[in-house]
Amino acid sequence: RGATPHFDMVANESAKGIATASLRSGVPVTNGILTT
């Protein structure tokens, strides 16, 4: 997290994209992205 809302956008969209990748492909895609 920094001083702008950029953190929220990157954290949310990367998590949503990872879930979508797993669901679309049928292959396990795990999220090890730290959001601190």
Full PDB file with SEQRES, HELIX, SHEET, SSBOND, CRYST1, ORIGX, SCALE, CONECT and MASTER records, all heavy atoms in Angstrom:
SEQRES   1 A   36  ARG GLY ALA THR PRO HIS PHE ASP MET VAL ALA ASN GLU          
SEQRES   2 A   36  SER ALA LYS GLY ILE ALA THR ALA SER LEU ARG SER GLY          
SEQRES   3 A   36  VAL PRO VAL THR ASN GLY ILE LEU THR THR                      
HELIX    1 AA1 HIS A    6  SER A   25  1                                  20    
CRYST1    1.000    1.000    1.000  90.00  90.00  90.00 P 1           1          
ORIGX1      1.000000  0.000000  0.000000        0.00000                         
ORIGX2      0.000000  1.000000  0.000000        0.00000                         
ORIGX3      0.000000  0.000000  1.000000        0.00000                         
SCALE1      1.000000  0.000000  0.000000        0.00000                         
SCALE2      0.000000  1.000000  0.000000        0.00000                         
SCALE3      0.000000  0.000000  1.000000        0.00000                         
ATOM      1  N   ARG A   1       0.831  -1.213   0.000  1.00  0.00           N  
ATOM      2  CA  ARG A   1       0.000   0.000   0.000  1.00  0.00           C  
ATOM      3  C   ARG A   1       0.862   1.258   0.000  1.00  0.00           C  
ATOM      4  O   ARG A   1       1.841   1.355   0.728  1.00  0.00           O  
ATOM      5  CB  ARG A   1      -0.925   0.015   1.211  1.00  0.00           C  
ATOM      6  CG  ARG A   1      -1.934   1.160   1.165  1.00  0.00           C  
ATOM      7  CD  ARG A   1      -2.878   1.155   2.355  1.00  0.00           C  
ATOM      8  NE  ARG A   1      -3.675  -0.055   2.441  1.00  0.00           N  
ATOM      9  CZ  ARG A   1      -4.792  -0.281   1.739  1.00  0.00           C  
ATOM     10  NH1 ARG A   1      -5.223   0.610   0.885  1.00  0.00           N  
ATOM     11  NH2 ARG A   1      -5.460  -1.404   1.915  1.00  0.00           N  
ATOM     12  N   GLY A   2       0.474   2.195  -0.831  1.00  0.00           N  
ATOM     13  CA  GLY A   2       1.136   3.499  -0.871  1.00  0.00           C  
ATOM     14  C   GLY A   2       0.135   4.573  -0.476  1.00  0.00           C  
ATOM     15  O   GLY A   2      -0.870   4.292   0.191  1.00  0.00           O  
ATOM     16  N   ALA A   3       0.362   5.777  -0.923  1.00  0.00           N  
ATOM     17  CA  ALA A   3      -0.480   6.905  -0.543  1.00  0.00           C  
ATOM     18  C   ALA A   3      -1.656   7.125  -1.486  1.00  0.00           C  
ATOM     19  O   ALA A   3      -2.453   8.028  -1.266  1.00  0.00           O  
ATOM     20  CB  ALA A   3       0.378   8.171  -0.483  1.00  0.00           C  
ATOM     21  N   THR A   4      -1.771   6.306  -2.533  1.00  0.00           N  
ATOM     22  CA  THR A   4      -2.853   6.499  -3.508  1.00  0.00           C  
ATOM     23  C   THR A   4      -3.725   5.245  -3.586  1.00  0.00           C  
ATOM     24  O   THR A   4      -3.334   4.174  -3.121  1.00  0.00           O  
ATOM     25  CB  THR A   4      -2.275   6.788  -4.913  1.00  0.00           C  
ATOM     26  OG1 THR A   4      -1.633   5.593  -5.387  1.00  0.00           O  
ATOM     27  CG2 THR A   4      -1.277   7.941  -4.882  1.00  0.00           C  
ATOM     28  N   PRO A   5      -4.888   5.333  -4.224  1.00  0.00           N  
ATOM     29  CA  PRO A   5      -5.768   4.164  -4.360  1.00  0.00           C  
ATOM     30  C   PRO A   5      -5.281   3.133  -5.375  1.00  0.00           C  
ATOM     31  O   PRO A   5      -5.931   2.111  -5.585  1.00  0.00           O  
ATOM     32  CB  PRO A   5      -7.110   4.761  -4.801  1.00  0.00           C  
ATOM     33  CG  PRO A   5      -6.917   6.201  -5.005  1.00  0.00           C  
ATOM     34  CD  PRO A   5      -5.511   6.568  -4.637  1.00  0.00           C  
ATOM     35  N   HIS A   6      -4.141   3.368  -5.994  1.00  0.00           N  
ATOM     36  CA  HIS A   6      -3.584   2.434  -6.976  1.00  0.00           C  
ATOM     37  C   HIS A   6      -3.454   1.026  -6.391  1.00  0.00           C  
ATOM     38  O   HIS A   6      -3.713   0.027  -7.070  1.00  0.00           O  
ATOM     39  CB  HIS A   6      -2.228   2.948  -7.458  1.00  0.00           C  
ATOM     40  CG  HIS A   6      -1.603   2.124  -8.529  1.00  0.00           C  
ATOM     41  ND1 HIS A   6      -2.079   2.107  -9.818  1.00  0.00           N  
ATOM     42  CD2 HIS A   6      -0.542   1.295  -8.497  1.00  0.00           C  
ATOM     43  CE1 HIS A   6      -1.333   1.286 -10.542  1.00  0.00           C  
ATOM     44  NE2 HIS A   6      -0.396   0.773  -9.756  1.00  0.00           N  
ATOM     45  N   PHE A   7      -3.084   0.929  -5.125  1.00  0.00           N  
ATOM     46  CA  PHE A   7      -2.937  -0.351  -4.428  1.00  0.00           C  
ATOM     47  C   PHE A   7      -4.202  -1.194  -4.554  1.00  0.00           C  
ATOM     48  O   PHE A   7      -4.145  -2.378  -4.883  1.00  0.00           O  
ATOM     49  CB  PHE A   7      -2.624  -0.093  -2.946  1.00  0.00           C  
ATOM     50  CG  PHE A   7      -2.763  -1.301  -2.066  1.00  0.00           C  
ATOM     51  CD1 PHE A   7      -1.681  -2.138  -1.837  1.00  0.00           C  
ATOM     52  CD2 PHE A   7      -3.970  -1.604  -1.458  1.00  0.00           C  
ATOM     53  CE1 PHE A   7      -1.794  -3.248  -1.012  1.00  0.00           C  
ATOM     54  CE2 PHE A   7      -4.092  -2.715  -0.637  1.00  0.00           C  
ATOM     55  CZ  PHE A   7      -3.007  -3.534  -0.422  1.00  0.00           C  
ATOM     56  N   ASP A   8      -5.345  -0.583  -4.271  1.00  0.00           N  
ATOM     57  CA  ASP A   8      -6.614  -1.314  -4.292  1.00  0.00           C  
ATOM     58  C   ASP A   8      -6.924  -1.858  -5.673  1.00  0.00           C  
ATOM     59  O   ASP A   8      -7.369  -3.003  -5.816  1.00  0.00           O  
ATOM     60  CB  ASP A   8      -7.765  -0.412  -3.805  1.00  0.00           C  
ATOM     61  CG  ASP A   8      -7.582  -0.011  -2.358  1.00  0.00           C  
ATOM     62  OD1 ASP A   8      -7.333  -0.905  -1.520  1.00  0.00           O  
ATOM     63  OD2 ASP A   8      -7.680   1.193  -2.063  1.00  0.00           O  
ATOM     64  N   MET A   9      -6.686  -1.061  -6.685  1.00  0.00           N  
ATOM     65  CA  MET A   9      -6.959  -1.490  -8.055  1.00  0.00           C  
ATOM     66  C   MET A   9      -6.065  -2.668  -8.438  1.00  0.00           C  
ATOM     67  O   MET A   9      -6.546  -3.677  -8.946  1.00  0.00           O  
ATOM     68  CB  MET A   9      -6.750  -0.315  -9.023  1.00  0.00           C  
ATOM     69  CG  MET A   9      -7.152  -0.589 -10.457  1.00  0.00           C  
ATOM     70  SD  MET A   9      -5.847  -1.229 -11.529  1.00  0.00           S  
ATOM     71  CE  MET A   9      -4.608   0.025 -11.428  1.00  0.00           C  
ATOM     72  N   VAL A  10      -4.781  -2.576  -8.178  1.00  0.00           N  
ATOM     73  CA  VAL A  10      -3.852  -3.649  -8.545  1.00  0.00           C  
ATOM     74  C   VAL A  10      -4.161  -4.914  -7.748  1.00  0.00           C  
ATOM     75  O   VAL A  10      -4.213  -6.016  -8.308  1.00  0.00           O  
ATOM     76  CB  VAL A  10      -2.382  -3.210  -8.349  1.00  0.00           C  
ATOM     77  CG1 VAL A  10      -1.431  -4.371  -8.556  1.00  0.00           C  
ATOM     78  CG2 VAL A  10      -2.037  -2.070  -9.308  1.00  0.00           C  
ATOM     79  N   ALA A  11      -4.372  -4.786  -6.449  1.00  0.00           N  
ATOM     80  CA  ALA A  11      -4.660  -5.954  -5.608  1.00  0.00           C  
ATOM     81  C   ALA A  11      -5.944  -6.646  -6.058  1.00  0.00           C  
ATOM     82  O   ALA A  11      -5.973  -7.874  -6.227  1.00  0.00           O  
ATOM     83  CB  ALA A  11      -4.765  -5.529  -4.145  1.00  0.00           C  
ATOM     84  N   ASN A  12      -7.000  -5.877  -6.268  1.00  0.00           N  
ATOM     85  CA  ASN A  12      -8.287  -6.468  -6.653  1.00  0.00           C  
ATOM     86  C   ASN A  12      -8.247  -7.092  -8.036  1.00  0.00           C  
ATOM     87  O   ASN A  12      -8.727  -8.216  -8.239  1.00  0.00           O  
ATOM     88  CB  ASN A  12      -9.397  -5.413  -6.597  1.00  0.00           C  
ATOM     89  CG  ASN A  12      -9.706  -4.974  -5.190  1.00  0.00           C  
ATOM     90  OD1 ASN A  12      -9.478  -5.703  -4.235  1.00  0.00           O  
ATOM     91  ND2 ASN A  12     -10.202  -3.758  -5.055  1.00  0.00           N  
ATOM     92  N   GLU A  13      -7.699  -6.389  -8.994  1.00  0.00           N  
ATOM     93  CA  GLU A  13      -7.708  -6.886 -10.373  1.00  0.00           C  
ATOM     94  C   GLU A  13      -6.775  -8.072 -10.571  1.00  0.00           C  
ATOM     95  O   GLU A  13      -7.089  -8.989 -11.332  1.00  0.00           O  
ATOM     96  CB  GLU A  13      -7.380  -5.764 -11.357  1.00  0.00           C  
ATOM     97  CG  GLU A  13      -8.447  -4.684 -11.414  1.00  0.00           C  
ATOM     98  CD  GLU A  13      -9.832  -5.212 -11.747  1.00  0.00           C  
ATOM     99  OE1 GLU A  13      -9.971  -6.050 -12.668  1.00  0.00           O  
ATOM    100  OE2 GLU A  13     -10.786  -4.784 -11.082  1.00  0.00           O  
ATOM    101  N   SER A  14      -5.658  -8.097  -9.870  1.00  0.00           N  
ATOM    102  CA  SER A  14      -4.773  -9.261 -10.005  1.00  0.00           C  
ATOM    103  C   SER A  14      -5.436 -10.490  -9.391  1.00  0.00           C  
ATOM    104  O   SER A  14      -5.389 -11.578  -9.975  1.00  0.00           O  
ATOM    105  CB  SER A  14      -3.393  -8.993  -9.400  1.00  0.00           C  
ATOM    106  OG  SER A  14      -3.464  -8.761  -8.013  1.00  0.00           O  
ATOM    107  N   ALA A  15      -6.090 -10.333  -8.254  1.00  0.00           N  
ATOM    108  CA  ALA A  15      -6.784 -11.468  -7.625  1.00  0.00           C  
ATOM    109  C   ALA A  15      -7.926 -11.962  -8.511  1.00  0.00           C  
ATOM    110  O   ALA A  15      -8.090 -13.178  -8.708  1.00  0.00           O  
ATOM    111  CB  ALA A  15      -7.311 -11.070  -6.248  1.00  0.00           C  
ATOM    112  N   LYS A  16      -8.690 -11.039  -9.054  1.00  0.00           N  
ATOM    113  CA  LYS A  16      -9.799 -11.427  -9.931  1.00  0.00           C  
ATOM    114  C   LYS A  16      -9.278 -12.112 -11.191  1.00  0.00           C  
ATOM    115  O   LYS A  16      -9.819 -13.122 -11.636  1.00  0.00           O  
ATOM    116  CB  LYS A  16     -10.629 -10.193 -10.303  1.00  0.00           C  
ATOM    117  CG  LYS A  16     -11.871 -10.532 -11.112  1.00  0.00           C  
ATOM    118  CD  LYS A  16     -12.855  -9.369 -11.238  1.00  0.00           C  
ATOM    119  CE  LYS A  16     -12.229  -8.119 -11.742  1.00  0.00           C  
ATOM    120  NZ  LYS A  16     -13.202  -7.046 -12.033  1.00  0.00           N  
ATOM    121  N   GLY A  17      -8.191 -11.605 -11.745  1.00  0.00           N  
ATOM    122  CA  GLY A  17      -7.608 -12.198 -12.948  1.00  0.00           C  
ATOM    123  C   GLY A  17      -7.061 -13.592 -12.710  1.00  0.00           C  
ATOM    124  O   GLY A  17      -7.182 -14.480 -13.564  1.00  0.00           O  
ATOM    125  N   ILE A  18      -6.469 -13.821 -11.555  1.00  0.00           N  
ATOM    126  CA  ILE A  18      -5.939 -15.145 -11.222  1.00  0.00           C  
ATOM    127  C   ILE A  18      -7.088 -16.142 -11.093  1.00  0.00           C  
ATOM    128  O   ILE A  18      -7.014 -17.259 -11.619  1.00  0.00           O  
ATOM    129  CB  ILE A  18      -5.081 -15.076  -9.941  1.00  0.00           C  
ATOM    130  CG1 ILE A  18      -3.779 -14.326 -10.237  1.00  0.00           C  
ATOM    131  CG2 ILE A  18      -4.811 -16.470  -9.384  1.00  0.00           C  
ATOM    132  CD1 ILE A  18      -3.007 -13.918  -9.003  1.00  0.00           C  
ATOM    133  N   ALA A  19      -8.147 -15.750 -10.413  1.00  0.00           N  
ATOM    134  CA  ALA A  19      -9.313 -16.635 -10.281  1.00  0.00           C  
ATOM    135  C   ALA A  19      -9.907 -16.938 -11.647  1.00  0.00           C  
ATOM    136  O   ALA A  19     -10.265 -18.089 -11.944  1.00  0.00           O  
ATOM    137  CB  ALA A  19     -10.360 -15.991  -9.370  1.00  0.00           C  
ATOM    138  N   THR A  20      -9.991 -15.946 -12.499  1.00  0.00           N  
ATOM    139  CA  THR A  20     -10.532 -16.135 -13.843  1.00  0.00           C  
ATOM    140  C   THR A  20      -9.651 -17.092 -14.648  1.00  0.00           C  
ATOM    141  O   THR A  20     -10.159 -17.953 -15.372  1.00  0.00           O  
ATOM    142  CB  THR A  20     -10.653 -14.783 -14.571  1.00  0.00           C  
ATOM    143  OG1 THR A  20     -11.558 -13.948 -13.829  1.00  0.00           O  
ATOM    144  CG2 THR A  20     -11.168 -14.944 -15.988  1.00  0.00           C  
ATOM    145  N   ALA A  21      -8.337 -16.957 -14.523  1.00  0.00           N  
ATOM    146  CA  ALA A  21      -7.412 -17.839 -15.254  1.00  0.00           C  
ATOM    147  C   ALA A  21      -7.642 -19.293 -14.859  1.00  0.00           C  
ATOM    148  O   ALA A  21      -7.667 -20.188 -15.717  1.00  0.00           O  
ATOM    149  CB  ALA A  21      -5.964 -17.433 -14.984  1.00  0.00           C  
ATOM    150  N   SER A  22      -7.837 -19.536 -13.591  1.00  0.00           N  
ATOM    151  CA  SER A  22      -8.068 -20.898 -13.126  1.00  0.00           C  
ATOM    152  C   SER A  22      -9.406 -21.430 -13.627  1.00  0.00           C  
ATOM    153  O   SER A  22      -9.494 -22.551 -14.134  1.00  0.00           O  
ATOM    154  CB  SER A  22      -8.016 -20.944 -11.593  1.00  0.00           C  
ATOM    155  OG  SER A  22      -8.034 -22.272 -11.141  1.00  0.00           O  
ATOM    156  N   LEU A  23     -10.440 -20.632 -13.500  1.00  0.00           N  
ATOM    157  CA  LEU A  23     -11.770 -21.073 -13.918  1.00  0.00           C  
ATOM    158  C   LEU A  23     -11.862 -21.276 -15.428  1.00  0.00           C  
ATOM    159  O   LEU A  23     -12.482 -22.231 -15.891  1.00  0.00           O  
ATOM    160  CB  LEU A  23     -12.826 -20.072 -13.455  1.00  0.00           C  
ATOM    161  CG  LEU A  23     -13.029 -20.004 -11.937  1.00  0.00           C  
ATOM    162  CD1 LEU A  23     -13.954 -18.849 -11.574  1.00  0.00           C  
ATOM    163  CD2 LEU A  23     -13.569 -21.315 -11.410  1.00  0.00           C  
ATOM    164  N   ARG A  24     -11.245 -20.405 -16.209  1.00  0.00           N  
ATOM    165  CA  ARG A  24     -11.278 -20.536 -17.671  1.00  0.00           C  
ATOM    166  C   ARG A  24     -10.504 -21.734 -18.172  1.00  0.00           C  
ATOM    167  O   ARG A  24     -10.910 -22.410 -19.113  1.00  0.00           O  
ATOM    168  CB  ARG A  24     -10.689 -19.288 -18.328  1.00  0.00           C  
ATOM    169  CG  ARG A  24     -11.706 -18.265 -18.640  1.00  0.00           C  
ATOM    170  CD  ARG A  24     -11.159 -17.277 -19.652  1.00  0.00           C  
ATOM    171  NE  ARG A  24     -11.966 -16.080 -19.554  1.00  0.00           N  
ATOM    172  CZ  ARG A  24     -11.602 -14.902 -19.956  1.00  0.00           C  
ATOM    173  NH1 ARG A  24     -10.423 -14.729 -20.504  1.00  0.00           N  
ATOM    174  NH2 ARG A  24     -12.399 -13.880 -19.838  1.00  0.00           N  
ATOM    175  N   SER A  25      -9.363 -21.983 -17.551  1.00  0.00           N  
ATOM    176  CA  SER A  25      -8.472 -23.036 -18.046  1.00  0.00           C  
ATOM    177  C   SER A  25      -8.776 -24.405 -17.449  1.00  0.00           C  
ATOM    178  O   SER A  25      -8.417 -25.426 -18.034  1.00  0.00           O  
ATOM    179  CB  SER A  25      -7.016 -22.671 -17.734  1.00  0.00           C  
ATOM    180  OG  SER A  25      -6.792 -22.696 -16.326  1.00  0.00           O  
ATOM    181  N   GLY A  26      -9.382 -24.423 -16.269  1.00  0.00           N  
ATOM    182  CA  GLY A  26      -9.589 -25.686 -15.573  1.00  0.00           C  
ATOM    183  C   GLY A  26      -8.327 -26.206 -14.906  1.00  0.00           C  
ATOM    184  O   GLY A  26      -8.282 -27.338 -14.425  1.00  0.00           O  
ATOM    185  N   VAL A  27      -7.300 -25.380 -14.867  1.00  0.00           N  
ATOM    186  CA  VAL A  27      -6.012 -25.732 -14.258  1.00  0.00           C  
ATOM    187  C   VAL A  27      -5.893 -24.944 -12.952  1.00  0.00           C  
ATOM    188  O   VAL A  27      -6.213 -23.760 -12.920  1.00  0.00           O  
ATOM    189  CB  VAL A  27      -4.852 -25.367 -15.221  1.00  0.00           C  
ATOM    190  CG1 VAL A  27      -3.503 -25.507 -14.558  1.00  0.00           C  
ATOM    191  CG2 VAL A  27      -4.941 -26.211 -16.479  1.00  0.00           C  
ATOM    192  N   PRO A  28      -5.419 -25.575 -11.873  1.00  0.00           N  
ATOM    193  CA  PRO A  28      -5.230 -24.816 -10.635  1.00  0.00           C  
ATOM    194  C   PRO A  28      -4.246 -23.662 -10.835  1.00  0.00           C  
ATOM    195  O   PRO A  28      -3.139 -23.863 -11.330  1.00  0.00           O  
ATOM    196  CB  PRO A  28      -4.657 -25.850  -9.666  1.00  0.00           C  
ATOM    197  CG  PRO A  28      -5.102 -27.177 -10.207  1.00  0.00           C  
ATOM    198  CD  PRO A  28      -5.115 -27.004 -11.701  1.00  0.00           C  
ATOM    199  N   VAL A  29      -4.682 -22.470 -10.477  1.00  0.00           N  
ATOM    200  CA  VAL A  29      -3.832 -21.282 -10.508  1.00  0.00           C  
ATOM    201  C   VAL A  29      -3.931 -20.668  -9.118  1.00  0.00           C  
ATOM    202  O   VAL A  29      -5.015 -20.245  -8.717  1.00  0.00           O  
ATOM    203  CB  VAL A  29      -4.277 -20.274 -11.593  1.00  0.00           C  
ATOM    204  CG1 VAL A  29      -3.369 -19.056 -11.601  1.00  0.00           C  
ATOM    205  CG2 VAL A  29      -4.302 -20.927 -12.974  1.00  0.00           C  
ATOM    206  N   THR A  30      -2.822 -20.663  -8.386  1.00  0.00           N  
ATOM    207  CA  THR A  30      -2.872 -20.203  -7.003  1.00  0.00           C  
ATOM    208  C   THR A  30      -2.333 -18.788  -6.860  1.00  0.00           C  
ATOM    209  O   THR A  30      -1.464 -18.358  -7.611  1.00  0.00           O  
ATOM    210  CB  THR A  30      -2.108 -21.160  -6.062  1.00  0.00           C  
ATOM    211  OG1 THR A  30      -0.734 -21.205  -6.435  1.00  0.00           O  
ATOM    212  CG2 THR A  30      -2.704 -22.569  -6.125  1.00  0.00           C  
ATOM    213  N   ASN A  31      -2.883 -18.093  -5.859  1.00  0.00           N  
ATOM    214  CA  ASN A  31      -2.563 -16.691  -5.643  1.00  0.00           C  
ATOM    215  C   ASN A  31      -1.592 -16.545  -4.477  1.00  0.00           C  
ATOM    216  O   ASN A  31      -1.976 -16.657  -3.319  1.00  0.00           O  
ATOM    217  CB  ASN A  31      -3.852 -15.921  -5.355  1.00  0.00           C  
ATOM    218  CG  ASN A  31      -3.636 -14.426  -5.272  1.00  0.00           C  
ATOM    219  OD1 ASN A  31      -2.507 -13.951  -5.181  1.00  0.00           O  
ATOM    220  ND2 ASN A  31      -4.713 -13.675  -5.298  1.00  0.00           N  
ATOM    221  N   GLY A  32      -0.345 -16.267  -4.806  1.00  0.00           N  
ATOM    222  CA  GLY A  32       0.673 -15.988  -3.798  1.00  0.00           C  
ATOM    223  C   GLY A  32       1.124 -14.543  -3.873  1.00  0.00           C  
ATOM    224  O   GLY A  32       2.288 -14.241  -3.610  1.00  0.00           O  
ATOM    225  N   ILE A  33       0.206 -13.657  -4.227  1.00  0.00           N  
ATOM    226  CA  ILE A  33       0.536 -12.231  -4.283  1.00  0.00           C  
ATOM    227  C   ILE A  33       0.242 -11.617  -2.917  1.00  0.00           C  
ATOM    228  O   ILE A  33      -0.897 -11.640  -2.445  1.00  0.00           O  
ATOM    229  CB  ILE A  33      -0.266 -11.502  -5.380  1.00  0.00           C  
ATOM    230  CG1 ILE A  33       0.069 -12.077  -6.754  1.00  0.00           C  
ATOM    231  CG2 ILE A  33       0.019  -9.999  -5.335  1.00  0.00           C  
ATOM    232  CD1 ILE A  33      -0.741 -11.483  -7.885  1.00  0.00           C  
ATOM    233  N   LEU A  34       1.279 -11.093  -2.291  1.00  0.00           N  
ATOM    234  CA  LEU A  34       1.100 -10.415  -1.016  1.00  0.00           C  
ATOM    235  C   LEU A  34       0.411  -9.080  -1.245  1.00  0.00           C  
ATOM    236  O   LEU A  34       0.740  -8.363  -2.198  1.00  0.00           O  
ATOM    237  CB  LEU A  34       2.450 -10.151  -0.353  1.00  0.00           C  
ATOM    238  CG  LEU A  34       3.340 -11.342  -0.055  1.00  0.00           C  
ATOM    239  CD1 LEU A  34       4.647 -10.868   0.574  1.00  0.00           C  
ATOM    240  CD2 LEU A  34       2.634 -12.330   0.837  1.00  0.00           C  
ATOM    241  N   THR A  35      -0.512  -8.740  -0.394  1.00  0.00           N  
ATOM    242  CA  THR A  35      -1.130  -7.411  -0.399  1.00  0.00           C  
ATOM    243  C   THR A  35      -1.015  -6.903   1.031  1.00  0.00           C  
ATOM    244  O   THR A  35      -1.746  -7.336   1.914  1.00  0.00           O  
ATOM    245  CB  THR A  35      -2.596  -7.466  -0.868  1.00  0.00           C  
ATOM    246  OG1 THR A  35      -3.309  -8.436  -0.102  1.00  0.00           O  
ATOM    247  CG2 THR A  35      -2.680  -7.826  -2.338  1.00  0.00           C  
ATOM    248  N   THR A  36      -0.068  -6.007   1.252  1.00  0.00           N  
ATOM    249  CA  THR A  36       0.240  -5.576   2.615  1.00  0.00           C  
ATOM    250  C   THR A  36       0.179  -4.060   2.743  1.00  0.00           C  
ATOM    251  O   THR A  36       0.256  -3.326   1.751  1.00  0.00           O  
ATOM    252  CB  THR A  36       1.639  -6.064   3.034  1.00  0.00           C  
ATOM    253  OG1 THR A  36       2.624  -5.459   2.198  1.00  0.00           O  
ATOM    254  CG2 THR A  36       1.742  -7.576   2.957  1.00  0.00           C  
TER     255      THR A  36                                                      
MASTER        0    0    0    1    0    0    0    6  254    1    0    3          
END                                                                             
